[in-house]
Amino acid sequence: MPERWNEWIRGHWRIENRSHYVRDVAFAEDASRIRKNPDIVARLRSFAYNLLRADGCDNIKNARWRAALDIRAASK
């Protein structure tokens, strides 16, 4: 039984570190001042995050920076 709990806890932190932490650091989600319909913008951030991950990006913040500097980087 303790092994099962350990797996569950590790799985939870994997999600936290892979998604939530990246969304806060790369997209500054916690600092967002959007108060009307913030869920729509959160979905857009998730969509962008998933596109970058599907493209094989390991560093989301760096990929966003490169895309901001060169629009062709975003269209690959």
C-alpha atoms as a PDB file:
ATOM      1  CA  MET A   1       0.000   0.000   0.000  1.00  0.00           C
ATOM      2  CA  PRO A   2       2.748   2.580   0.754  1.00  0.00           C
ATOM      3  CA  GLU A   3       4.281   1.880  -2.668  1.00  0.00           C
ATOM      4  CA  ARG A   4       0.983   2.747  -4.299  1.00  0.00           C
ATOM      5  CA  TRP A   5       0.791   6.055  -2.415  1.00  0.00           C
ATOM      6  CA  ASN A   6       4.362   6.852  -3.412  1.00  0.00           C
ATOM      7  CA  GLU A   7       3.498   6.286  -7.068  1.00  0.00           C
ATOM      8  CA  TRP A   8       0.447   8.531  -6.755  1.00  0.00           C
ATOM      9  CA  ILE A   9       2.443  11.313  -5.089  1.00  0.00           C
ATOM     10  CA  ARG A  10       5.238  11.105  -7.672  1.00  0.00           C
ATOM     11  CA  GLY A  11       2.643  11.189 -10.444  1.00  0.00           C
ATOM     12  CA  HIS A  12       1.088  14.307  -8.954  1.00  0.00           C
ATOM     13  CA  TRP A  13       4.432  16.116  -8.746  1.00  0.00           C
ATOM     14  CA  ARG A  14       5.268  15.061 -12.292  1.00  0.00           C
ATOM     15  CA  ILE A  15       2.152  16.926 -13.446  1.00  0.00           C
ATOM     16  CA  GLU A  16       2.966  19.882 -11.197  1.00  0.00           C
ATOM     17  CA  ASN A  17       6.529  20.171 -12.481  1.00  0.00           C
ATOM     18  CA  ARG A  18       5.773  19.448 -16.115  1.00  0.00           C
ATOM     19  CA  SER A  19       2.723  21.653 -16.586  1.00  0.00           C
ATOM     20  CA  HIS A  20       1.756  23.981 -13.773  1.00  0.00           C
ATOM     21  CA  TYR A  21       5.261  25.170 -12.950  1.00  0.00           C
ATOM     22  CA  VAL A  22       6.082  25.777 -16.613  1.00  0.00           C
ATOM     23  CA  ARG A  23       2.837  27.662 -17.140  1.00  0.00           C
ATOM     24  CA  ASP A  24       3.641  29.918 -14.216  1.00  0.00           C
ATOM     25  CA  VAL A  25       7.280  30.533 -15.170  1.00  0.00           C
ATOM     26  CA  ALA A  26       7.006  30.701 -18.966  1.00  0.00           C
ATOM     27  CA  PHE A  27       3.588  32.311 -19.218  1.00  0.00           C
ATOM     28  CA  ALA A  28       3.566  34.185 -15.859  1.00  0.00           C
ATOM     29  CA  GLU A  29       0.105  32.803 -15.260  1.00  0.00           C
ATOM     30  CA  ASP A  30       0.025  33.609 -11.538  1.00  0.00           C
ATOM     31  CA  ALA A  31       0.898  37.259 -12.259  1.00  0.00           C
ATOM     32  CA  SER A  32      -1.898  37.608 -14.810  1.00  0.00           C
ATOM     33  CA  ARG A  33      -4.240  40.510 -14.108  1.00  0.00           C
ATOM     34  CA  ILE A  34      -7.026  39.203 -16.322  1.00  0.00           C
ATOM     35  CA  ARG A  35     -10.191  39.180 -14.254  1.00  0.00           C
ATOM     36  CA  LYS A  36     -12.909  38.708 -16.861  1.00  0.00           C
ATOM     37  CA  ASN A  37     -13.029  35.217 -18.337  1.00  0.00           C
ATOM     38  CA  PRO A  38      -9.513  34.175 -17.262  1.00  0.00           C
ATOM     39  CA  ASP A  39     -10.342  30.596 -18.235  1.00  0.00           C
ATOM     40  CA  ILE A  40     -10.332  31.521 -21.932  1.00  0.00           C
ATOM     41  CA  VAL A  41      -6.813  32.934 -21.720  1.00  0.00           C
ATOM     42  CA  ALA A  42      -5.703  29.939 -19.632  1.00  0.00           C
ATOM     43  CA  ARG A  43      -6.928  27.650 -22.416  1.00  0.00           C
ATOM     44  CA  LEU A  44      -4.984  29.689 -24.983  1.00  0.00           C
ATOM     45  CA  ARG A  45      -1.855  29.374 -22.838  1.00  0.00           C
ATOM     46  CA  SER A  46      -2.417  25.627 -22.554  1.00  0.00           C
ATOM     47  CA  PHE A  47      -2.895  25.394 -26.309  1.00  0.00           C
ATOM     48  CA  ALA A  48       0.376  27.259 -26.937  1.00  0.00           C
ATOM     49  CA  TYR A  49       2.131  25.121 -24.330  1.00  0.00           C
ATOM     50  CA  ASN A  50       0.884  21.909 -25.960  1.00  0.00           C
ATOM     51  CA  LEU A  51       1.958  23.087 -29.425  1.00  0.00           C
ATOM     52  CA  LEU A  52       5.457  23.847 -28.186  1.00  0.00           C
ATOM     53  CA  ARG A  53       5.699  20.504 -26.354  1.00  0.00           C
ATOM     54  CA  ALA A  54       4.423  18.628 -29.424  1.00  0.00           C
ATOM     55  CA  ASP A  55       7.132  20.365 -31.454  1.00  0.00           C
ATOM     56  CA  GLY A  56       9.704  18.859 -29.093  1.00  0.00           C
ATOM     57  CA  CYS A  57      10.646  21.984 -27.135  1.00  0.00           C
ATOM     58  CA  ASP A  58      12.259  21.295 -23.791  1.00  0.00           C
ATOM     59  CA  ASN A  59      12.561  24.950 -22.780  1.00  0.00           C
ATOM     60  CA  ILE A  60       9.192  26.644 -23.245  1.00  0.00           C
ATOM     61  CA  LYS A  61      10.334  30.069 -22.062  1.00  0.00           C
ATOM     62  CA  ASN A  62      13.231  30.052 -24.506  1.00  0.00           C
ATOM     63  CA  ALA A  63      10.976  28.873 -27.351  1.00  0.00           C
ATOM     64  CA  ARG A  64       8.553  31.736 -26.654  1.00  0.00           C
ATOM     65  CA  TRP A  65      11.459  34.198 -26.693  1.00  0.00           C
ATOM     66  CA  ARG A  66      12.722  32.870 -30.042  1.00  0.00           C
ATOM     67  CA  ALA A  67       9.207  33.033 -31.507  1.00  0.00           C
ATOM     68  CA  ALA A  68       8.855  36.649 -30.345  1.00  0.00           C
ATOM     69  CA  LEU A  69      12.099  37.576 -32.093  1.00  0.00           C
ATOM     70  CA  ASP A  70      11.380  35.745 -35.332  1.00  0.00           C
ATOM     71  CA  ILE A  71       7.835  35.017 -36.511  1.00  0.00           C
ATOM     72  CA  ARG A  72       9.173  32.261 -38.801  1.00  0.00           C
ATOM     73  CA  ALA A  73      10.212  30.307 -35.689  1.00  0.00           C
ATOM     74  CA  ALA A  74       6.563  30.147 -34.635  1.00  0.00           C
ATOM     75  CA  SER A  75       5.404  28.832 -37.990  1.00  0.00           C
ATOM     76  CA  LYS A  76       7.707  25.800 -38.152  1.00  0.00           C
END
